[in-house]
Amino acid sequence: MQFVSVRMLETLKRFAKEEGGSTAIEYALIASGISIAIAASAYSLGSTLRDDYFGKVDNALK
């Protein structure tokens, strides 16, 4: 049992020292932030187009 816990601690220490995965996580967070910003602006632009431009076309056709 002692051997398992010592081995587990060694594995956790190696995992904590590993920095390659943290860079990937940082890039994923940046990409998700950018995608949220794009989605929010597309939603806002879509509402503006629907209300302003397509509303005028709809009223002109009535």
N, C-alpha and C. Protein backbone atom coordinates (compact mmCIF):
# COMPACT_ATOMS: atom_id res chain seq x y z
N MET A 1 0.82 -1.19 0.00
CA MET A 1 0.00 0.00 0.00
C MET A 1 0.87 1.25 0.00
N GLN A 2 1.94 1.24 0.76
CA GLN A 2 2.86 2.38 0.83
C GLN A 2 3.46 2.66 -0.54
N PHE A 3 3.78 1.59 -1.29
CA PHE A 3 4.39 1.74 -2.60
C PHE A 3 3.44 2.44 -3.57
N VAL A 4 2.17 2.11 -3.47
CA VAL A 4 1.18 2.71 -4.37
C VAL A 4 1.06 4.21 -4.12
N SER A 5 1.02 4.62 -2.86
CA SER A 5 0.87 6.04 -2.56
C SER A 5 2.13 6.82 -2.93
N VAL A 6 3.31 6.25 -2.76
CA VAL A 6 4.55 6.91 -3.15
C VAL A 6 4.59 7.06 -4.66
N ARG A 7 4.19 6.02 -5.35
CA ARG A 7 4.19 6.06 -6.81
C ARG A 7 3.16 7.08 -7.32
N MET A 8 2.02 7.16 -6.65
CA MET A 8 0.99 8.12 -7.03
C MET A 8 1.49 9.54 -6.82
N LEU A 9 2.18 9.80 -5.72
CA LEU A 9 2.74 11.13 -5.45
C LEU A 9 3.77 11.51 -6.51
N GLU A 10 4.61 10.57 -6.89
CA GLU A 10 5.60 10.84 -7.94
C GLU A 10 4.92 11.19 -9.26
N THR A 11 3.86 10.46 -9.58
CA THR A 11 3.12 10.73 -10.80
C THR A 11 2.48 12.11 -10.76
N LEU A 12 1.91 12.47 -9.63
CA LEU A 12 1.29 13.78 -9.49
C LEU A 12 2.31 14.91 -9.57
N LYS A 13 3.49 14.69 -9.03
CA LYS A 13 4.55 15.71 -9.11
C LYS A 13 4.99 15.92 -10.55
N ARG A 14 5.14 14.81 -11.30
CA ARG A 14 5.52 14.93 -12.71
C ARG A 14 4.42 15.65 -13.49
N PHE A 15 3.17 15.35 -13.18
CA PHE A 15 2.05 15.99 -13.86
C PHE A 15 2.02 17.49 -13.57
N ALA A 16 2.32 17.89 -12.34
CA ALA A 16 2.32 19.31 -11.98
C ALA A 16 3.44 20.07 -12.67
N LYS A 17 4.57 19.40 -12.93
CA LYS A 17 5.69 20.05 -13.58
C LYS A 17 5.50 20.17 -15.08
N GLU A 18 4.65 19.36 -15.67
CA GLU A 18 4.41 19.37 -17.11
C GLU A 18 3.75 20.68 -17.53
N GLU A 19 4.32 21.36 -18.51
CA GLU A 19 3.79 22.64 -18.94
C GLU A 19 3.19 22.60 -20.34
N GLY A 20 3.34 21.53 -21.06
CA GLY A 20 2.82 21.45 -22.42
C GLY A 20 1.31 21.50 -22.48
N GLY A 21 0.66 20.88 -21.56
CA GLY A 21 -0.80 20.87 -21.54
C GLY A 21 -1.39 22.22 -21.17
N SER A 22 -0.69 22.97 -20.35
CA SER A 22 -1.22 24.27 -19.93
C SER A 22 -1.29 25.23 -21.11
N THR A 23 -0.34 25.14 -22.02
CA THR A 23 -0.37 26.00 -23.21
C THR A 23 -1.58 25.67 -24.06
N ALA A 24 -1.88 24.40 -24.22
CA ALA A 24 -3.05 24.01 -25.00
C ALA A 24 -4.34 24.51 -24.35
N ILE A 25 -4.40 24.45 -23.04
CA ILE A 25 -5.58 24.94 -22.33
C ILE A 25 -5.73 26.45 -22.50
N GLU A 26 -4.62 27.16 -22.45
CA GLU A 26 -4.66 28.61 -22.64
C GLU A 26 -5.17 28.97 -24.03
N TYR A 27 -4.67 28.27 -25.04
CA TYR A 27 -5.14 28.52 -26.41
C TYR A 27 -6.62 28.17 -26.55
N ALA A 28 -7.08 27.13 -25.89
CA ALA A 28 -8.49 26.76 -25.95
C ALA A 28 -9.36 27.84 -25.29
N LEU A 29 -8.90 28.41 -24.19
CA LEU A 29 -9.65 29.48 -23.54
C LEU A 29 -9.71 30.73 -24.42
N ILE A 30 -8.60 31.05 -25.07
CA ILE A 30 -8.59 32.21 -25.97
C ILE A 30 -9.54 31.97 -27.14
N ALA A 31 -9.49 30.78 -27.72
CA ALA A 31 -10.38 30.46 -28.85
C ALA A 31 -11.84 30.50 -28.44
N SER A 32 -12.15 30.01 -27.25
CA SER A 32 -13.55 30.04 -26.81
C SER A 32 -14.00 31.47 -26.56
N GLY A 33 -13.14 32.32 -26.03
CA GLY A 33 -13.49 33.73 -25.84
C GLY A 33 -13.76 34.44 -27.15
N ILE A 34 -12.92 34.16 -28.14
CA ILE A 34 -13.12 34.76 -29.46
C ILE A 34 -14.42 34.27 -30.08
N SER A 35 -14.72 32.98 -29.94
CA SER A 35 -15.94 32.45 -30.53
C SER A 35 -17.19 33.02 -29.85
N ILE A 36 -17.12 33.26 -28.55
CA ILE A 36 -18.25 33.89 -27.86
C ILE A 36 -18.45 35.31 -28.36
N ALA A 37 -17.36 36.04 -28.57
CA ALA A 37 -17.47 37.41 -29.08
C ALA A 37 -18.05 37.42 -30.49
N ILE A 38 -17.64 36.48 -31.33
CA ILE A 38 -18.18 36.40 -32.69
C ILE A 38 -19.66 36.07 -32.66
N ALA A 39 -20.05 35.12 -31.82
CA ALA A 39 -21.46 34.74 -31.73
C ALA A 39 -22.31 35.90 -31.23
N ALA A 40 -21.82 36.66 -30.26
CA ALA A 40 -22.58 37.79 -29.73
C ALA A 40 -22.74 38.88 -30.79
N SER A 41 -21.67 39.17 -31.55
CA SER A 41 -21.81 40.19 -32.57
C SER A 41 -22.68 39.73 -33.73
N ALA A 42 -22.63 38.45 -34.08
CA ALA A 42 -23.50 37.94 -35.15
C ALA A 42 -24.96 38.02 -34.72
N TYR A 43 -25.23 37.71 -33.47
CA TYR A 43 -26.61 37.80 -32.96
C TYR A 43 -27.10 39.25 -33.00
N SER A 44 -26.25 40.17 -32.56
CA SER A 44 -26.61 41.59 -32.54
C SER A 44 -26.81 42.11 -33.96
N LEU A 45 -25.92 41.75 -34.86
CA LEU A 45 -26.02 42.19 -36.25
C LEU A 45 -27.25 41.59 -36.91
N GLY A 46 -27.55 40.34 -36.60
CA GLY A 46 -28.72 39.70 -37.17
C GLY A 46 -30.00 40.38 -36.73
N SER A 47 -30.08 40.77 -35.47
CA SER A 47 -31.27 41.48 -34.97
C SER A 47 -31.40 42.83 -35.65
N THR A 48 -30.29 43.52 -35.84
CA THR A 48 -30.32 44.82 -36.49
C THR A 48 -30.78 44.69 -37.93
N LEU A 49 -30.24 43.72 -38.64
CA LEU A 49 -30.65 43.51 -40.04
C LEU A 49 -32.13 43.17 -40.13
N ARG A 50 -32.58 42.30 -39.25
CA ARG A 50 -33.98 41.89 -39.29
C ARG A 50 -34.90 43.07 -39.03
N ASP A 51 -34.60 43.84 -38.01
CA ASP A 51 -35.49 44.92 -37.61
C ASP A 51 -35.41 46.11 -38.57
N ASP A 52 -34.21 46.54 -38.92
CA ASP A 52 -34.06 47.76 -39.72
C ASP A 52 -34.30 47.52 -41.21
N TYR A 53 -33.52 46.66 -41.80
CA TYR A 53 -33.55 46.52 -43.25
C TYR A 53 -34.72 45.67 -43.73
N PHE A 54 -34.87 44.50 -43.16
CA PHE A 54 -35.95 43.63 -43.61
C PHE A 54 -37.31 44.17 -43.18
N GLY A 55 -37.36 44.94 -42.10
CA GLY A 55 -38.59 45.59 -41.70
C GLY A 55 -39.04 46.62 -42.72
N LYS A 56 -38.08 47.37 -43.27
CA LYS A 56 -38.39 48.36 -44.31
C LYS A 56 -38.90 47.66 -45.57
N VAL A 57 -38.29 46.58 -45.94
CA VAL A 57 -38.72 45.83 -47.12
C VAL A 57 -40.12 45.28 -46.89
N ASP A 58 -40.37 44.77 -45.70
CA ASP A 58 -41.68 44.22 -45.38
C ASP A 58 -42.75 45.30 -45.44
N ASN A 59 -42.45 46.47 -44.91
CA ASN A 59 -43.42 47.56 -44.93
C ASN A 59 -43.65 48.07 -46.36
N ALA A 60 -42.61 48.06 -47.18
CA ALA A 60 -42.76 48.51 -48.56
C ALA A 60 -43.61 47.55 -49.38
N LEU A 61 -43.58 46.29 -49.04
CA LEU A 61 -44.35 45.30 -49.78
C LEU A 61 -45.81 45.25 -49.36
N LYS A 62 -46.15 45.85 -48.24
CA LYS A 62 -47.54 45.80 -47.76
C LYS A 62 -48.43 46.78 -48.48
